[in-house]
Amino acid sequence: MSQRVKRVSELIQRELGAIITKEIEFDGYLVSIHDVEVSTDFRDCTVYVGVLGAKHHEKKALDILNKNRAMFQKRLSKRVVLRNTPVLQFRADDSIERGVRTLNALLEVEDLKAADAEEESDDTASK
């Protein structure tokens, strides 16, 4: 990814986050933009969204975002000046959930190692 594409992605992420925060009210759950991928010709933009709340809130948030996509693109075109305003596509991002599962698995392995080490020390102490 070129420096320019990376900078434009970061700019779109920041500005789109501000637009969504200002324009849309999500009741009972939190929506955040985790990542933005812009094509090299700046015509397409995939926005990865994380939702903190119940699983059905994720679908509801994506429906709201995709329904208001044209409005977001219009507002974005005024804030980020490009030859082509990218067409936004909102996708669910479950990277935080995967990270939590990985962390829990690592903690579980650590607990098992500690239990095994304690068991071995008890066996050697009783001999």
Protein backbone atom coordinates (compact mmCIF):
# COMPACT_ATOMS: atom_id res chain seq x y z
CA MET A 1 0.00 0.00 0.00
CA SER A 2 1.42 3.36 -0.99
CA GLN A 3 1.88 6.18 1.49
CA ARG A 4 -0.83 8.23 -0.21
CA VAL A 5 -3.41 5.44 -0.02
CA LYS A 6 -2.53 4.90 3.63
CA ARG A 7 -2.89 8.63 4.44
CA VAL A 8 -6.20 8.87 2.59
CA SER A 9 -7.48 5.77 4.43
CA GLU A 10 -6.58 7.29 7.79
CA LEU A 11 -8.17 10.61 6.82
CA ILE A 12 -11.38 8.93 5.68
CA GLN A 13 -11.49 6.88 8.90
CA ARG A 14 -11.14 10.00 11.05
CA GLU A 15 -13.62 12.12 9.09
CA LEU A 16 -16.19 9.33 8.68
CA GLY A 17 -16.02 8.65 12.41
CA ALA A 18 -16.79 12.31 13.09
CA ILE A 19 -19.67 12.31 10.59
CA ILE A 20 -21.23 9.13 12.01
CA THR A 21 -20.91 10.40 15.58
CA LYS A 22 -22.59 13.67 14.64
CA GLU A 23 -25.35 12.31 12.39
CA ILE A 24 -26.43 8.93 13.81
CA GLU A 25 -27.62 8.01 17.31
CA PHE A 26 -27.17 4.34 18.20
CA ASP A 27 -29.37 3.41 21.15
CA GLY A 28 -27.88 0.99 23.66
CA TYR A 29 -24.70 0.06 21.81
CA LEU A 30 -21.42 1.56 20.68
CA VAL A 31 -20.28 1.66 17.06
CA SER A 32 -16.67 2.35 16.11
CA ILE A 33 -14.70 2.34 12.88
CA HIS A 34 -11.81 -0.09 13.19
CA ASP A 35 -10.26 0.19 9.77
CA VAL A 36 -10.74 1.65 6.31
CA GLU A 37 -9.39 0.14 3.10
CA VAL A 38 -9.37 2.36 0.03
CA SER A 39 -8.68 1.01 -3.44
CA THR A 40 -5.65 2.43 -5.23
CA ASP A 41 -7.87 4.41 -7.61
CA PHE A 42 -9.87 5.81 -4.64
CA ARG A 43 -13.19 4.65 -6.15
CA ASP A 44 -14.06 2.02 -3.54
CA CYS A 45 -13.77 2.13 0.23
CA THR A 46 -14.46 -0.72 2.65
CA VAL A 47 -15.19 0.46 6.17
CA TYR A 48 -14.75 -2.13 8.93
CA VAL A 49 -17.11 -1.42 11.82
CA GLY A 50 -17.08 -2.86 15.32
CA VAL A 51 -20.20 -2.94 17.46
CA LEU A 52 -20.13 -3.32 21.23
CA GLY A 53 -23.46 -4.72 22.31
CA ALA A 54 -25.62 -7.74 21.60
CA LYS A 55 -25.10 -9.69 18.38
CA HIS A 56 -28.36 -8.40 16.85
CA HIS A 57 -27.08 -4.82 17.34
CA GLU A 58 -24.31 -5.52 14.82
CA LYS A 59 -26.80 -6.30 12.05
CA LYS A 60 -28.95 -3.31 13.03
CA ALA A 61 -25.93 -0.95 12.99
CA LEU A 62 -24.76 -2.22 9.58
CA ASP A 63 -28.27 -1.78 8.19
CA ILE A 64 -28.40 1.82 9.45
CA LEU A 65 -24.94 2.61 8.09
CA ASN A 66 -25.60 1.07 4.68
CA LYS A 67 -28.99 2.79 4.46
CA ASN A 68 -27.33 6.18 5.06
CA ARG A 69 -24.34 5.45 2.82
CA ALA A 70 -25.19 8.12 0.23
CA MET A 71 -25.47 10.79 2.91
CA PHE A 72 -22.10 9.75 4.39
CA GLN A 73 -20.48 9.90 0.94
CA LYS A 74 -21.90 13.37 0.31
CA ARG A 75 -20.67 14.68 3.68
CA LEU A 76 -17.32 12.96 3.17
CA SER A 77 -16.87 14.57 -0.26
CA LYS A 78 -17.08 18.00 1.39
CA ARG A 79 -14.50 17.11 4.05
CA VAL A 80 -12.05 15.04 1.97
CA VAL A 81 -11.36 16.51 -1.45
CA LEU A 82 -10.51 13.80 -3.98
CA ARG A 83 -11.09 13.50 -7.71
CA ASN A 84 -13.50 10.63 -7.02
CA THR A 85 -15.41 10.25 -3.80
CA PRO A 86 -15.11 6.57 -2.90
CA VAL A 87 -18.20 4.37 -2.75
CA LEU A 88 -18.52 3.24 0.86
CA GLN A 89 -19.21 -0.33 1.88
CA PHE A 90 -19.69 -1.11 5.56
CA ARG A 91 -18.58 -4.51 6.87
CA ALA A 92 -18.61 -6.04 10.34
CA ASP A 93 -15.21 -6.40 11.99
CA ASP A 94 -14.90 -9.00 14.70
CA SER A 95 -11.17 -8.57 15.32
CA ILE A 96 -11.71 -7.47 18.92
CA GLU A 97 -13.76 -10.59 19.62
CA ARG A 98 -11.06 -12.77 18.04
CA GLY A 99 -8.43 -10.99 20.13
CA VAL A 100 -10.37 -11.58 23.34
CA ARG A 101 -10.81 -15.28 22.49
CA THR A 102 -7.07 -15.58 21.77
CA LEU A 103 -6.17 -13.82 25.02
CA ASN A 104 -8.52 -16.07 27.00
CA ALA A 105 -6.99 -19.16 25.38
CA LEU A 106 -3.48 -17.96 26.30
CA LEU A 107 -4.56 -17.28 29.89
CA GLU A 108 -6.10 -20.74 30.07
CA VAL A 109 -2.85 -22.35 28.88
CA GLU A 110 -0.91 -20.31 31.44
CA ASP A 111 -3.26 -21.47 34.21
CA LEU A 112 -2.84 -25.11 33.13
CA LYS A 113 0.96 -24.75 33.18
CA ALA A 114 0.82 -23.22 36.66
CA ALA A 115 -1.43 -26.05 37.88
CA ASP A 116 0.93 -28.67 36.40
CA ALA A 117 3.95 -27.00 37.99
CA GLU A 118 2.19 -26.90 41.37
CA GLU A 119 1.23 -30.56 41.05
CA GLU A 120 4.82 -31.53 40.25
CA SER A 121 6.16 -29.59 43.24
CA ASP A 122 3.62 -31.36 45.52
CA ASP A 123 4.71 -34.76 44.15
CA THR A 124 8.43 -34.06 44.76
CA ALA A 125 7.74 -32.65 48.25
CA SER A 126 5.84 -35.77 49.32
CA LYS A 127 8.73 -38.13 48.27
